[in-house]
C-alpha cells in the first residue's frame, strides 16, 4: 500500500468518502462486474458520483495512453516508409543518371557511325554526297537508305 502522502487525488477522495473499493477495481473491472460490485453496497449519491468520475477519468487515461502509443507506432512506421522511399529515390536517381550517360554515349556512337558511313558513300562520278542535301535513314530491320533532304524554299 502507498503511504498517505503518495495517494493519488482519486485515492484520497475515495478514502475520504469511505468507498469500499480500490481505484484499480473501479477503473479496470468489466462493466458487468463493476455494476454488480456497486449494486451490492449501499452507496450514497456522492459516493456513486465519485466512483463514476474515477472510472471515467481512469478509462480516459488508458484511452489517451493507447492513443499516444498508436500515434508513436504510426510515426515510427512513417519514418521507416520515408527511409525506404528515400533509398528508392536515390536508386532511381542513380539509375536515371546511368541511363542518361548510356544514351549520350550511344548517340555519340551513332553520330560517329553515321559520319563514317556517310563519308564512304559516293555518287556515280565518285563524288561524296553532301550532308546538307542528303541524309541516312534506317529501318527497324537494319536496312540503311540514302534519302534527299527536303529543300526549304528561301524566304525573301
Foldseek 3Di string as FASTA:
>chain_A
DDDPVPDDPLQVVCVVQVPPDGLCCLAPPPPVVNVVVVVVDDHDPVNVVSSVVSNVVSNVVVVVVVVVVVVVVVVVVVVVVVVVVVVVVVVVVVVVVVVVVVVVVVVVVVVVVQCVVQQPDADPVRHRDDPVFWGWDADPVGDIDIDTDDDDDDDD
